[in-house]
Amino acid sequence: TQKIVKQDVSDFEFSTSV
C-alpha cells in the first residue's frame, strides 16, 4: 500500500488476517 509505514503495517496485518 502506498501509505505511511504505520498505516501500511496495519493494512498488511489486516490483509493477512483476512
C-alpha atoms as a PDB file:
ATOM      1  CA  THR A   1       0.000   0.000   0.000  1.00  0.00           C
ATOM      2  CA  GLN A   2       1.213   3.479  -0.814  1.00  0.00           C
ATOM      3  CA  LYS A   3       0.679   4.957   2.622  1.00  0.00           C
ATOM      4  CA  ILE A   4       2.579   5.715   5.785  1.00  0.00           C
ATOM      5  CA  VAL A   5       4.662   2.907   7.253  1.00  0.00           C
ATOM      6  CA  LYS A   6       2.393   2.622  10.277  1.00  0.00           C
ATOM      7  CA  GLN A   7      -0.747   2.593   8.137  1.00  0.00           C
ATOM      8  CA  ASP A   8       0.908   0.192   5.713  1.00  0.00           C
ATOM      9  CA  VAL A   9       1.708  -2.205   8.538  1.00  0.00           C
ATOM     10  CA  SER A  10      -1.889  -2.018   9.723  1.00  0.00           C
ATOM     11  CA  ASP A  11      -3.165  -2.739   6.220  1.00  0.00           C
ATOM     12  CA  PHE A  12      -0.743  -5.609   5.833  1.00  0.00           C
ATOM     13  CA  GLU A  13      -1.788  -7.123   9.152  1.00  0.00           C
ATOM     14  CA  PHE A  14      -5.437  -6.693   8.206  1.00  0.00           C
ATOM     15  CA  SER A  15      -4.828  -8.209   4.802  1.00  0.00           C
ATOM     16  CA  THR A  16      -3.082 -11.205   6.321  1.00  0.00           C
ATOM     17  CA  SER A  17      -5.907 -11.620   8.824  1.00  0.00           C
ATOM     18  CA  VAL A  18      -8.461 -11.591   6.048  1.00  0.00           C
END
